Amino acid sequence: PGKEREFVATCNMSGYSTAYADSVKGRFTISRDNAK
């Protein structure tokens, strides 16, 4: 509330490359299941 939308995590098309905001690194994990 009252703040700008901020980056949390991203991954590329295959899910192989990931990136995280410093505030969540080590706690959050981004993944994808393209078959689903």
PDB file of all heavy atoms in Angstrom:
ATOM      1  N   PRO A   1       0.816  -1.216   0.000  1.00  0.00           N
ATOM      2  CA  PRO A   1       0.000   0.000   0.000  1.00  0.00           C
ATOM      3  C   PRO A   1       0.852   1.270   0.000  1.00  0.00           C
ATOM      4  O   PRO A   1       1.783   1.402   0.792  1.00  0.00           O
ATOM      5  CB  PRO A   1      -0.805  -0.124   1.292  1.00  0.00           C
ATOM      6  CG  PRO A   1      -0.895  -1.590   1.541  1.00  0.00           C
ATOM      7  CD  PRO A   1       0.425  -2.137   1.076  1.00  0.00           C
ATOM      8  N   GLY A   2       0.532   2.181  -0.907  1.00  0.00           N
ATOM      9  CA  GLY A   2       1.222   3.453  -0.983  1.00  0.00           C
ATOM     10  C   GLY A   2       2.602   3.412  -1.596  1.00  0.00           C
ATOM     11  O   GLY A   2       3.309   4.424  -1.571  1.00  0.00           O
ATOM     12  N   LYS A   3       2.998   2.277  -2.150  1.00  0.00           N
ATOM     13  CA  LYS A   3       4.333   2.142  -2.711  1.00  0.00           C
ATOM     14  C   LYS A   3       4.278   1.712  -4.169  1.00  0.00           C
ATOM     15  O   LYS A   3       3.256   1.227  -4.655  1.00  0.00           O
ATOM     16  CB  LYS A   3       5.156   1.137  -1.901  1.00  0.00           C
ATOM     17  CG  LYS A   3       5.417   1.565  -0.464  1.00  0.00           C
ATOM     18  CD  LYS A   3       6.351   0.617   0.245  1.00  0.00           C
ATOM     19  CE  LYS A   3       6.651   1.101   1.650  1.00  0.00           C
ATOM     20  NZ  LYS A   3       7.586   0.201   2.355  1.00  0.00           N
ATOM     21  N   GLU A   4       5.393   1.902  -4.862  1.00  0.00           N
ATOM     22  CA  GLU A   4       5.503   1.497  -6.249  1.00  0.00           C
ATOM     23  C   GLU A   4       5.603  -0.016  -6.364  1.00  0.00           C
ATOM     24  O   GLU A   4       6.070  -0.703  -5.449  1.00  0.00           O
ATOM     25  CB  GLU A   4       6.728   2.146  -6.891  1.00  0.00           C
ATOM     26  CG  GLU A   4       6.668   3.660  -6.999  1.00  0.00           C
ATOM     27  CD  GLU A   4       5.689   4.118  -8.055  1.00  0.00           C
ATOM     28  OE1 GLU A   4       5.581   3.448  -9.094  1.00  0.00           O
ATOM     29  OE2 GLU A   4       5.039   5.147  -7.843  1.00  0.00           O
ATOM     30  N   ARG A   5       5.168  -0.516  -7.505  1.00  0.00           N
ATOM     31  CA  ARG A   5       5.342  -1.931  -7.790  1.00  0.00           C
ATOM     32  C   ARG A   5       6.835  -2.229  -7.928  1.00  0.00           C
ATOM     33  O   ARG A   5       7.561  -1.509  -8.620  1.00  0.00           O
ATOM     34  CB  ARG A   5       4.597  -2.302  -9.069  1.00  0.00           C
ATOM     35  CG  ARG A   5       4.520  -3.786  -9.346  1.00  0.00           C
ATOM     36  CD  ARG A   5       3.509  -4.091 -10.447  1.00  0.00           C
ATOM     37  NE  ARG A   5       2.173  -3.655 -10.081  1.00  0.00           N
ATOM     38  CZ  ARG A   5       1.092  -3.883 -10.818  1.00  0.00           C
ATOM     39  NH1 ARG A   5       1.183  -4.542 -11.962  1.00  0.00           N
ATOM     40  NH2 ARG A   5      -0.090  -3.437 -10.414  1.00  0.00           N
ATOM     41  N   GLU A   6       7.296  -3.296  -7.289  1.00  0.00           N
ATOM     42  CA  GLU A   6       8.715  -3.586  -7.266  1.00  0.00           C
ATOM     43  C   GLU A   6       9.014  -5.007  -7.712  1.00  0.00           C
ATOM     44  O   GLU A   6       8.206  -5.929  -7.556  1.00  0.00           O
ATOM     45  CB  GLU A   6       9.310  -3.336  -5.875  1.00  0.00           C
ATOM     46  CG  GLU A   6       8.810  -4.283  -4.804  1.00  0.00           C
ATOM     47  CD  GLU A   6       9.485  -4.064  -3.459  1.00  0.00           C
ATOM     48  OE1 GLU A   6      10.331  -3.148  -3.343  1.00  0.00           O
ATOM     49  OE2 GLU A   6       9.174  -4.813  -2.514  1.00  0.00           O
ATOM     50  N   PHE A   7      10.195  -5.158  -8.237  1.00  0.00           N
ATOM     51  CA  PHE A   7      10.717  -6.436  -8.693  1.00  0.00           C
ATOM     52  C   PHE A   7      10.894  -7.395  -7.524  1.00  0.00           C
ATOM     53  O   PHE A   7      11.379  -7.011  -6.455  1.00  0.00           O
ATOM     54  CB  PHE A   7      12.056  -6.176  -9.388  1.00  0.00           C
ATOM     55  CG  PHE A   7      12.970  -7.355  -9.478  1.00  0.00           C
ATOM     56  CD1 PHE A   7      12.705  -8.402 -10.344  1.00  0.00           C
ATOM     57  CD2 PHE A   7      14.123  -7.392  -8.723  1.00  0.00           C
ATOM     58  CE1 PHE A   7      13.567  -9.472 -10.445  1.00  0.00           C
ATOM     59  CE2 PHE A   7      14.997  -8.458  -8.812  1.00  0.00           C
ATOM     60  CZ  PHE A   7      14.714  -9.501  -9.677  1.00  0.00           C
ATOM     61  N   VAL A   8      10.511  -8.646  -7.734  1.00  0.00           N
ATOM     62  CA  VAL A   8      10.746  -9.715  -6.768  1.00  0.00           C
ATOM     63  C   VAL A   8      11.673 -10.776  -7.349  1.00  0.00           C
ATOM     64  O   VAL A   8      12.708 -11.096  -6.770  1.00  0.00           O
ATOM     65  CB  VAL A   8       9.431 -10.365  -6.306  1.00  0.00           C
ATOM     66  CG1 VAL A   8       9.711 -11.544  -5.379  1.00  0.00           C
ATOM     67  CG2 VAL A   8       8.539  -9.338  -5.616  1.00  0.00           C
ATOM     68  N   ALA A   9      11.297 -11.327  -8.505  1.00  0.00           N
ATOM     69  CA  ALA A   9      12.079 -12.392  -9.110  1.00  0.00           C
ATOM     70  C   ALA A   9      11.709 -12.523 -10.573  1.00  0.00           C
ATOM     71  O   ALA A   9      10.588 -12.206 -10.975  1.00  0.00           O
ATOM     72  CB  ALA A   9      11.850 -13.729  -8.398  1.00  0.00           C
ATOM     73  N   THR A  10      12.645 -13.005 -11.387  1.00  0.00           N
ATOM     74  CA  THR A  10      12.390 -13.272 -12.797  1.00  0.00           C
ATOM     75  C   THR A  10      13.082 -14.565 -13.206  1.00  0.00           C
ATOM     76  O   THR A  10      14.036 -14.997 -12.569  1.00  0.00           O
ATOM     77  CB  THR A  10      12.898 -12.152 -13.716  1.00  0.00           C
ATOM     78  OG1 THR A  10      14.294 -11.942 -13.506  1.00  0.00           O
ATOM     79  CG2 THR A  10      12.146 -10.847 -13.476  1.00  0.00           C
ATOM     80  N   CYS A  11      12.600 -15.159 -14.287  1.00  0.00           N
ATOM     81  CA  CYS A  11      13.301 -16.268 -14.919  1.00  0.00           C
ATOM     82  C   CYS A  11      13.091 -16.196 -16.421  1.00  0.00           C
ATOM     83  O   CYS A  11      12.123 -15.618 -16.906  1.00  0.00           O
ATOM     84  CB  CYS A  11      12.868 -17.621 -14.352  1.00  0.00           C
ATOM     85  SG  CYS A  11      11.180 -18.112 -14.718  1.00  0.00           S
ATOM     86  N   ASN A  12      14.011 -16.805 -17.149  1.00  0.00           N
ATOM     87  CA  ASN A  12      13.929 -16.769 -18.597  1.00  0.00           C
ATOM     88  C   ASN A  12      12.936 -17.802 -19.116  1.00  0.00           C
ATOM     89  O   ASN A  12      12.221 -18.442 -18.349  1.00  0.00           O
ATOM     90  CB  ASN A  12      15.318 -16.934 -19.218  1.00  0.00           C
ATOM     91  CG  ASN A  12      15.903 -18.322 -19.024  1.00  0.00           C
ATOM     92  OD1 ASN A  12      15.340 -19.169 -18.338  1.00  0.00           O
ATOM     93  ND2 ASN A  12      17.057 -18.555 -19.648  1.00  0.00           N
ATOM     94  N   MET A  13      12.906 -17.971 -20.428  1.00  0.00           N
ATOM     95  CA  MET A  13      11.881 -18.801 -21.059  1.00  0.00           C
ATOM     96  C   MET A  13      11.924 -20.258 -20.615  1.00  0.00           C
ATOM     97  O   MET A  13      10.881 -20.904 -20.505  1.00  0.00           O
ATOM     98  CB  MET A  13      12.006 -18.714 -22.584  1.00  0.00           C
ATOM     99  CG  MET A  13      11.745 -17.324 -23.135  1.00  0.00           C
ATOM    100  SD  MET A  13      12.213 -17.133 -24.874  1.00  0.00           S
ATOM    101  CE  MET A  13      11.068 -18.245 -25.666  1.00  0.00           C
ATOM    102  N   SER A  14      13.113 -20.764 -20.369  1.00  0.00           N
ATOM    103  CA  SER A  14      13.262 -22.148 -19.944  1.00  0.00           C
ATOM    104  C   SER A  14      13.229 -22.320 -18.431  1.00  0.00           C
ATOM    105  O   SER A  14      13.066 -23.439 -17.943  1.00  0.00           O
ATOM    106  CB  SER A  14      14.569 -22.726 -20.477  1.00  0.00           C
ATOM    107  OG  SER A  14      15.680 -22.094 -19.869  1.00  0.00           O
ATOM    108  N   GLY A  15      13.396 -21.224 -17.696  1.00  0.00           N
ATOM    109  CA  GLY A  15      13.525 -21.287 -16.255  1.00  0.00           C
ATOM    110  C   GLY A  15      14.939 -21.523 -15.775  1.00  0.00           C
ATOM    111  O   GLY A  15      15.174 -21.572 -14.565  1.00  0.00           O
ATOM    112  N   TYR A  16      15.879 -21.644 -16.686  1.00  0.00           N
ATOM    113  CA  TYR A  16      17.253 -21.943 -16.330  1.00  0.00           C
ATOM    114  C   TYR A  16      17.929 -20.782 -15.605  1.00  0.00           C
ATOM    115  O   TYR A  16      18.663 -20.998 -14.636  1.00  0.00           O
ATOM    116  CB  TYR A  16      18.045 -22.310 -17.587  1.00  0.00           C
ATOM    117  CG  TYR A  16      19.504 -22.601 -17.337  1.00  0.00           C
ATOM    118  CD1 TYR A  16      19.909 -23.819 -16.807  1.00  0.00           C
ATOM    119  CD2 TYR A  16      20.480 -21.659 -17.654  1.00  0.00           C
ATOM    120  CE1 TYR A  16      21.248 -24.088 -16.586  1.00  0.00           C
ATOM    121  CE2 TYR A  16      21.815 -21.917 -17.435  1.00  0.00           C
ATOM    122  CZ  TYR A  16      22.200 -23.132 -16.899  1.00  0.00           C
ATOM    123  OH  TYR A  16      23.533 -23.396 -16.678  1.00  0.00           O
ATOM    124  N   SER A  17      17.703 -19.558 -16.083  1.00  0.00           N
ATOM    125  CA  SER A  17      18.322 -18.381 -15.482  1.00  0.00           C
ATOM    126  C   SER A  17      17.309 -17.658 -14.612  1.00  0.00           C
ATOM    127  O   SER A  17      16.195 -17.372 -15.050  1.00  0.00           O
ATOM    128  CB  SER A  17      18.845 -17.439 -16.560  1.00  0.00           C
ATOM    129  OG  SER A  17      19.875 -18.052 -17.317  1.00  0.00           O
ATOM    130  N   THR A  18      17.705 -17.366 -13.390  1.00  0.00           N
ATOM    131  CA  THR A  18      16.820 -16.698 -12.448  1.00  0.00           C
ATOM    132  C   THR A  18      17.519 -15.508 -11.823  1.00  0.00           C
ATOM    133  O   THR A  18      18.747 -15.427 -11.783  1.00  0.00           O
ATOM    134  CB  THR A  18      16.351 -17.653 -11.340  1.00  0.00           C
ATOM    135  OG1 THR A  18      17.496 -18.142 -10.620  1.00  0.00           O
ATOM    136  CG2 THR A  18      15.593 -18.833 -11.927  1.00  0.00           C
ATOM    137  N   ALA A  19      16.730 -14.575 -11.328  1.00  0.00           N
ATOM    138  CA  ALA A  19      17.252 -13.411 -10.637  1.00  0.00           C
ATOM    139  C   ALA A  19      16.290 -13.031  -9.526  1.00  0.00           C
ATOM    140  O   ALA A  19      15.078 -13.232  -9.646  1.00  0.00           O
ATOM    141  CB  ALA A  19      17.443 -12.244 -11.605  1.00  0.00           C
ATOM    142  N   TYR A  20      16.844 -12.461  -8.453  1.00  0.00           N
ATOM    143  CA  TYR A  20      16.049 -12.128  -7.284  1.00  0.00           C
ATOM    144  C   TYR A  20      16.417 -10.760  -6.745  1.00  0.00           C
ATOM    145  O   TYR A  20      17.572 -10.337  -6.812  1.00  0.00           O
ATOM    146  CB  TYR A  20      16.267 -13.156  -6.168  1.00  0.00           C
ATOM    147  CG  TYR A  20      15.871 -14.557  -6.545  1.00  0.00           C
ATOM    148  CD1 TYR A  20      16.803 -15.434  -7.096  1.00  0.00           C
ATOM    149  CD2 TYR A  20      14.574 -15.006  -6.352  1.00  0.00           C
ATOM    150  CE1 TYR A  20      16.440 -16.721  -7.451  1.00  0.00           C
ATOM    151  CE2 TYR A  20      14.205 -16.293  -6.707  1.00  0.00           C
ATOM    152  CZ  TYR A  20      15.143 -17.150  -7.253  1.00  0.00           C
ATOM    153  OH  TYR A  20      14.776 -18.424  -7.604  1.00  0.00           O
ATOM    154  N   ALA A  21      15.426 -10.091  -6.192  1.00  0.00           N
ATOM    155  CA  ALA A  21      15.701  -8.884  -5.437  1.00  0.00           C
ATOM    156  C   ALA A  21      16.508  -9.241  -4.196  1.00  0.00           C
ATOM    157  O   ALA A  21      16.349 -10.320  -3.616  1.00  0.00           O
ATOM    158  CB  ALA A  21      14.397  -8.199  -5.037  1.00  0.00           C
ATOM    159  N   ASP A  22      17.373  -8.319  -3.785  1.00  0.00           N
ATOM    160  CA  ASP A  22      18.193  -8.572  -2.607  1.00  0.00           C
ATOM    161  C   ASP A  22      17.344  -8.871  -1.372  1.00  0.00           C
ATOM    162  O   ASP A  22      17.743  -9.662  -0.513  1.00  0.00           O
ATOM    163  CB  ASP A  22      19.101  -7.373  -2.330  1.00  0.00           C
ATOM    164  CG  ASP A  22      20.227  -7.241  -3.335  1.00  0.00           C
ATOM    165  OD1 ASP A  22      20.527  -8.218  -4.044  1.00  0.00           O
ATOM    166  OD2 ASP A  22      20.816  -6.143  -3.403  1.00  0.00           O
ATOM    167  N   SER A  23      16.189  -8.262  -1.299  1.00  0.00           N
ATOM    168  CA  SER A  23      15.340  -8.415  -0.129  1.00  0.00           C
ATOM    169  C   SER A  23      14.750  -9.817   0.021  1.00  0.00           C
ATOM    170  O   SER A  23      14.316 -10.190   1.113  1.00  0.00           O
ATOM    171  CB  SER A  23      14.206  -7.388  -0.161  1.00  0.00           C
ATOM    172  OG  SER A  23      13.411  -7.547  -1.323  1.00  0.00           O
ATOM    173  N   VAL A  24      14.722 -10.596  -1.069  1.00  0.00           N
ATOM    174  CA  VAL A  24      14.128 -11.931  -1.013  1.00  0.00           C
ATOM    175  C   VAL A  24      15.118 -13.033  -1.329  1.00  0.00           C
ATOM    176  O   VAL A  24      14.782 -14.221  -1.176  1.00  0.00           O
ATOM    177  CB  VAL A  24      12.912 -12.048  -1.951  1.00  0.00           C
ATOM    178  CG1 VAL A  24      11.907 -10.946  -1.673  1.00  0.00           C
ATOM    179  CG2 VAL A  24      13.337 -12.040  -3.416  1.00  0.00           C
ATOM    180  N   LYS A  25      16.315 -12.684  -1.753  1.00  0.00           N
ATOM    181  CA  LYS A  25      17.303 -13.684  -2.137  1.00  0.00           C
ATOM    182  C   LYS A  25      17.594 -14.618  -0.968  1.00  0.00           C
ATOM    183  O   LYS A  25      17.815 -14.177   0.156  1.00  0.00           O
ATOM    184  CB  LYS A  25      18.582 -13.002  -2.612  1.00  0.00           C
ATOM    185  CG  LYS A  25      19.596 -13.951  -3.216  1.00  0.00           C
ATOM    186  CD  LYS A  25      20.787 -13.192  -3.777  1.00  0.00           C
ATOM    187  CE  LYS A  25      21.781 -14.119  -4.440  1.00  0.00           C
ATOM    188  NZ  LYS A  25      22.937 -13.376  -4.999  1.00  0.00           N
ATOM    189  N   GLY A  26      17.593 -15.910  -1.257  1.00  0.00           N
ATOM    190  CA  GLY A  26      17.808 -16.908  -0.226  1.00  0.00           C
ATOM    191  C   GLY A  26      16.543 -17.374   0.456  1.00  0.00           C
ATOM    192  O   GLY A  26      16.572 -18.386   1.166  1.00  0.00           O
ATOM    193  N   ARG A  27      15.446 -16.656   0.260  1.00  0.00           N
ATOM    194  CA  ARG A  27      14.171 -17.023   0.865  1.00  0.00           C
ATOM    195  C   ARG A  27      13.128 -17.434  -0.166  1.00  0.00           C
ATOM    196  O   ARG A  27      12.301 -18.298   0.109  1.00  0.00           O
ATOM    197  CB  ARG A  27      13.617 -15.865   1.696  1.00  0.00           C
ATOM    198  CG  ARG A  27      14.532 -15.428   2.832  1.00  0.00           C
ATOM    199  CD  ARG A  27      13.847 -14.405   3.739  1.00  0.00           C
ATOM    200  NE  ARG A  27      13.537 -13.169   3.031  1.00  0.00           N
ATOM    201  CZ  ARG A  27      12.306 -12.682   2.876  1.00  0.00           C
ATOM    202  NH1 ARG A  27      11.259 -13.324   3.387  1.00  0.00           N
ATOM    203  NH2 ARG A  27      12.118 -11.535   2.230  1.00  0.00           N
ATOM    204  N   PHE A  28      13.157 -16.803  -1.340  1.00  0.00           N
ATOM    205  CA  PHE A  28      12.177 -17.067  -2.387  1.00  0.00           C
ATOM    206  C   PHE A  28      12.828 -17.837  -3.528  1.00  0.00           C
ATOM    207  O   PHE A  28      14.021 -17.666  -3.807  1.00  0.00           O
ATOM    208  CB  PHE A  28      11.609 -15.760  -2.952  1.00  0.00           C
ATOM    209  CG  PHE A  28      10.721 -14.984  -2.018  1.00  0.00           C
ATOM    210  CD1 PHE A  28      10.602 -15.305  -0.675  1.00  0.00           C
ATOM    211  CD2 PHE A  28       9.999 -13.908  -2.504  1.00  0.00           C
ATOM    212  CE1 PHE A  28       9.783 -14.578   0.174  1.00  0.00           C
ATOM    213  CE2 PHE A  28       9.175 -13.170  -1.670  1.00  0.00           C
ATOM    214  CZ  PHE A  28       9.069 -13.505  -0.332  1.00  0.00           C
ATOM    215  N   THR A  29      12.031 -18.646  -4.216  1.00  0.00           N
ATOM    216  CA  THR A  29      12.491 -19.385  -5.378  1.00  0.00           C
ATOM    217  C   THR A  29      11.459 -19.287  -6.492  1.00  0.00           C
ATOM    218  O   THR A  29      10.293 -19.639  -6.297  1.00  0.00           O
ATOM    219  CB  THR A  29      12.743 -20.871  -5.049  1.00  0.00           C
ATOM    220  OG1 THR A  29      13.695 -20.976  -3.988  1.00  0.00           O
ATOM    221  CG2 THR A  29      13.283 -21.600  -6.280  1.00  0.00           C
ATOM    222  N   ILE A  30      11.893 -18.811  -7.651  1.00  0.00           N
ATOM    223  CA  ILE A  30      11.021 -18.757  -8.813  1.00  0.00           C
ATOM    224  C   ILE A  30      11.262 -20.001  -9.666  1.00  0.00           C
ATOM    225  O   ILE A  30      12.402 -20.455  -9.822  1.00  0.00           O
ATOM    226  CB  ILE A  30      11.252 -17.466  -9.624  1.00  0.00           C
ATOM    227  CG1 ILE A  30      10.217 -17.335 -10.747  1.00  0.00           C
ATOM    228  CG2 ILE A  30      12.668 -17.384 -10.166  1.00  0.00           C
ATOM    229  CD1 ILE A  30      10.256 -15.987 -11.457  1.00  0.00           C
ATOM    230  N   SER A  31      10.199 -20.555 -10.212  1.00  0.00           N
ATOM    231  CA  SER A  31      10.318 -21.721 -11.072  1.00  0.00           C
ATOM    232  C   SER A  31       9.147 -21.750 -12.039  1.00  0.00           C
ATOM    233  O   SER A  31       8.194 -20.971 -11.909  1.00  0.00           O
ATOM    234  CB  SER A  31      10.378 -23.019 -10.250  1.00  0.00           C
ATOM    235  OG  SER A  31       9.185 -23.206  -9.514  1.00  0.00           O
ATOM    236  N   ARG A  32       9.225 -22.640 -13.000  1.00  0.00           N
ATOM    237  CA  ARG A  32       8.132 -22.774 -13.951  1.00  0.00           C
ATOM    238  C   ARG A  32       8.054 -24.200 -14.455  1.00  0.00           C
ATOM    239  O   ARG A  32       9.063 -24.920 -14.525  1.00  0.00           O
ATOM    240  CB  ARG A  32       8.299 -21.789 -15.119  1.00  0.00           C
ATOM    241  CG  ARG A  32       9.542 -22.034 -15.965  1.00  0.00           C
ATOM    242  CD  ARG A  32       9.835 -20.840 -16.869  1.00  0.00           C
ATOM    243  NE  ARG A  32       8.770 -20.604 -17.830  1.00  0.00           N
ATOM    244  CZ  ARG A  32       8.604 -19.473 -18.521  1.00  0.00           C
ATOM    245  NH1 ARG A  32       9.438 -18.453 -18.329  1.00  0.00           N
ATOM    246  NH2 ARG A  32       7.607 -19.356 -19.379  1.00  0.00           N
ATOM    247  N   ASP A  33       6.856 -24.603 -14.810  1.00  0.00           N
ATOM    248  CA  ASP A  33       6.603 -25.897 -15.426  1.00  0.00           C
ATOM    249  C   ASP A  33       5.884 -25.602 -16.730  1.00  0.00           C
ATOM    250  O   ASP A  33       4.668 -25.420 -16.759  1.00  0.00           O
ATOM    251  CB  ASP A  33       5.770 -26.781 -14.512  1.00  0.00           C
ATOM    252  CG  ASP A  33       5.618 -28.193 -15.040  1.00  0.00           C
ATOM    253  OD1 ASP A  33       5.815 -28.414 -16.249  1.00  0.00           O
ATOM    254  OD2 ASP A  33       5.292 -29.092 -14.234  1.00  0.00           O
ATOM    255  N   ASN A  34       6.647 -25.530 -17.808  1.00  0.00           N
ATOM    256  CA  ASN A  34       6.069 -25.148 -19.090  1.00  0.00           C
ATOM    257  C   ASN A  34       5.061 -26.177 -19.605  1.00  0.00           C
ATOM    258  O   ASN A  34       4.128 -25.822 -20.327  1.00  0.00           O
ATOM    259  CB  ASN A  34       7.171 -24.924 -20.126  1.00  0.00           C
ATOM    260  CG  ASN A  34       7.946 -23.646 -19.874  1.00  0.00           C
ATOM    261  OD1 ASN A  34       7.448 -22.724 -19.233  1.00  0.00           O
ATOM    262  ND2 ASN A  34       9.168 -23.588 -20.372  1.00  0.00           N
ATOM    263  N   ALA A  35       5.243 -27.436 -19.246  1.00  0.00           N
ATOM    264  CA  ALA A  35       4.297 -28.466 -19.650  1.00  0.00           C
ATOM    265  C   ALA A  35       2.922 -28.229 -19.033  1.00  0.00           C
ATOM    266  O   ALA A  35       1.910 -28.638 -19.599  1.00  0.00           O
ATOM    267  CB  ALA A  35       4.809 -29.852 -19.271  1.00  0.00           C
ATOM    268  N   LYS A  36       2.886 -27.583 -17.873  1.00  0.00           N
ATOM    269  CA  LYS A  36       1.635 -27.274 -17.198  1.00  0.00           C
ATOM    270  C   LYS A  36       1.213 -25.824 -17.378  1.00  0.00           C
ATOM    271  O   LYS A  36       0.203 -25.399 -16.805  1.00  0.00           O
ATOM    272  CB  LYS A  36       1.744 -27.592 -15.711  1.00  0.00           C
ATOM    273  CG  LYS A  36       1.951 -29.066 -15.401  1.00  0.00           C
ATOM    274  CD  LYS A  36       1.981 -29.311 -13.900  1.00  0.00           C
ATOM    275  CE  LYS A  36       2.124 -30.781 -13.591  1.00  0.00           C
ATOM    276  NZ  LYS A  36       2.146 -31.042 -12.130  1.00  0.00           N
TER     277      LYS A  36
END
